C-alpha atoms as a PDB file:
ATOM      1  CA  MET A   1     -46.613 236.864 213.051  1.00  0.00           C
ATOM      2  CA  THR A   2     -47.784 239.731 215.196  1.00  0.00           C
ATOM      3  CA  SER A   3     -47.362 243.534 214.201  1.00  0.00           C
ATOM      4  CA  LEU A   4     -46.081 245.697 217.266  1.00  0.00           C
ATOM      5  CA  THR A   5     -45.596 249.717 216.993  1.00  0.00           C
ATOM      6  CA  ILE A   6     -43.156 251.180 219.000  1.00  0.00           C
ATOM      7  CA  GLN A   7     -41.670 254.453 219.504  1.00  0.00           C
ATOM      8  CA  ILE A   8     -37.695 254.880 219.443  1.00  0.00           C
ATOM      9  CA  PRO A   9     -35.696 257.740 219.386  1.00  0.00           C
ATOM     10  CA  ASP A  10     -34.382 259.015 216.007  1.00  0.00           C
ATOM     11  CA  SER A  11     -30.907 258.776 216.522  1.00  0.00           C
ATOM     12  CA  ILE A  12     -31.617 254.895 217.249  1.00  0.00           C
ATOM     13  CA  ARG A  13     -33.638 254.449 214.369  1.00  0.00           C
ATOM     14  CA  ARG A  14     -30.997 256.008 212.108  1.00  0.00           C
ATOM     15  CA  HIS A  15     -28.326 253.450 213.458  1.00  0.00           C
ATOM     16  CA  VAL A  16     -30.769 250.378 213.361  1.00  0.00           C
ATOM     17  CA  GLU A  17     -31.563 251.177 209.555  1.00  0.00           C
ATOM     18  CA  ARG A  18     -27.899 251.793 208.759  1.00  0.00           C
ATOM     19  CA  LEU A  19     -26.688 248.413 210.636  1.00  0.00           C
ATOM     20  CA  ALA A  20     -29.808 246.231 208.956  1.00  0.00           C
ATOM     21  CA  ALA A  21     -28.829 247.603 205.658  1.00  0.00           C
ATOM     22  CA  LYS A  22     -25.046 246.775 206.307  1.00  0.00           C
ATOM     23  CA  ASP A  23     -26.158 243.268 207.072  1.00  0.00           C
ATOM     24  CA  GLY A  24     -28.393 243.198 203.973  1.00  0.00           C
ATOM     25  CA  ILE A  25     -31.611 242.483 206.097  1.00  0.00           C
ATOM     26  CA  SER A  26     -35.075 244.661 206.927  1.00  0.00           C
ATOM     27  CA  VAL A  27     -35.278 246.875 209.630  1.00  0.00           C
ATOM     28  CA  ASP A  28     -38.178 244.545 210.959  1.00  0.00           C
ATOM     29  CA  GLN A  29     -35.610 241.456 210.884  1.00  0.00           C
ATOM     30  CA  PHE A  30     -32.872 243.179 212.740  1.00  0.00           C
ATOM     31  CA  LEU A  31     -35.280 244.156 215.448  1.00  0.00           C
ATOM     32  CA  SER A  32     -37.062 240.853 215.559  1.00  0.00           C
ATOM     33  CA  THR A  33     -33.438 239.204 215.707  1.00  0.00           C
ATOM     34  CA  ALA A  34     -32.386 241.836 218.382  1.00  0.00           C
ATOM     35  CA  ALA A  35     -34.926 241.073 220.563  1.00  0.00           C
ATOM     36  CA  ALA A  36     -34.651 237.552 220.154  1.00  0.00           C
ATOM     37  CA  GLU A  37     -30.734 237.520 221.468  1.00  0.00           C
ATOM     38  CA  LYS A  38     -32.014 240.081 224.114  1.00  0.00           C
ATOM     39  CA  LEU A  39     -34.641 237.613 225.337  1.00  0.00           C
ATOM     40  CA  ALA A  40     -31.952 234.435 225.315  1.00  0.00           C
ATOM     41  CA  ALA A  41     -29.374 236.447 227.204  1.00  0.00           C
ATOM     42  CA  LEU A  42     -31.643 237.297 229.925  1.00  0.00           C
ATOM     43  CA  GLU A  43     -32.874 233.831 230.023  1.00  0.00           C
ATOM     44  CA  THR A  44     -29.495 232.447 230.223  1.00  0.00           C
ATOM     45  CA  VAL A  45     -28.583 235.102 233.255  1.00  0.00           C
ATOM     46  CA  ASP A  46     -32.110 233.751 234.939  1.00  0.00           C
ATOM     47  CA  TYR A  47     -31.172 229.803 234.160  1.00  0.00           C
ATOM     48  CA  ILE A  48     -27.426 230.378 235.728  1.00  0.00           C
ATOM     49  CA  ALA A  49     -29.325 232.537 238.742  1.00  0.00           C
ATOM     50  CA  ARG A  50     -31.474 229.402 239.320  1.00  0.00           C
ATOM     51  CA  ARG A  51     -28.428 227.063 238.987  1.00  0.00           C
ATOM     52  CA  ALA A  52     -26.437 228.803 241.411  1.00  0.00           C
ATOM     53  CA  SER A  53     -29.296 228.727 243.763  1.00  0.00           C
ATOM     54  CA  ARG A  54     -29.143 225.338 243.981  1.00  0.00           C
ATOM     55  CA  ALA A  55     -25.017 225.293 244.783  1.00  0.00           C
ATOM     56  CA  ASP A  56     -24.187 222.731 247.386  1.00  0.00           C
ATOM     57  CA  ASN A  57     -20.782 223.617 248.896  1.00  0.00           C
ATOM     58  CA  GLU A  58     -20.345 220.547 250.970  1.00  0.00           C
ATOM     59  CA  ALA A  59     -20.792 218.395 247.743  1.00  0.00           C
ATOM     60  CA  PHE A  60     -18.478 220.613 245.646  1.00  0.00           C
ATOM     61  CA  GLU A  61     -15.814 220.210 248.453  1.00  0.00           C
ATOM     62  CA  ALA A  62     -16.530 216.286 248.439  1.00  0.00           C
ATOM     63  CA  VAL A  63     -15.714 216.020 244.901  1.00  0.00           C
ATOM     64  CA  MET A  64     -12.620 218.151 244.995  1.00  0.00           C
ATOM     65  CA  ARG A  65     -11.160 215.940 247.578  1.00  0.00           C
ATOM     66  CA  LYS A  66     -11.155 213.117 245.498  1.00  0.00           C
ATOM     67  CA  ILE A  67      -8.735 214.643 243.251  1.00  0.00           C
ATOM     68  CA  PRO A  68      -5.373 213.070 243.659  1.00  0.00           C
ATOM     69  CA  ASN A  69      -2.603 215.318 245.117  1.00  0.00           C
ATOM     70  CA  ARG A  70       0.278 215.426 242.079  1.00  0.00           C
ATOM     71  CA  GLU A  71       3.471 217.166 241.525  1.00  0.00           C
ATOM     72  CA  PRO A  72       3.220 220.389 240.024  1.00  0.00           C
ATOM     73  CA  ALA A  73       3.362 220.793 236.232  1.00  0.00           C
ATOM     74  CA  GLU A  74       6.889 221.160 234.405  1.00  0.00           C
ATOM     75  CA  GLU A  75       7.298 224.650 233.676  1.00  0.00           C
ATOM     76  CA  TRP A  76       7.076 223.884 229.800  1.00  0.00           C
ATOM     77  CA  ASP A  77       3.445 222.393 230.360  1.00  0.00           C
ATOM     78  CA  LYS A  78       1.692 225.149 232.364  1.00  0.00           C
ATOM     79  CA  THR A  79      -0.586 227.410 230.725  1.00  0.00           C
ATOM     80  CA  PRO A  80       0.812 230.899 230.599  1.00  0.00           C
END
């Protein structure tokens, strides 16, 4: 583990302390988890952007053309 000293506004510190206590965990554990969640979210956005940049509309259309035409679903079988 590595120690990290940060400066945060008092209001955020109080909020973190309150939420950590509510969850029954230490402030260190709360902030470590919060940082891990933020990193995962940013990495997910980056991953989706990379995947989208490789999109091939022609290939998508080719796959969509393979779907057979069918009668519309009965009213009782449609998603509201």
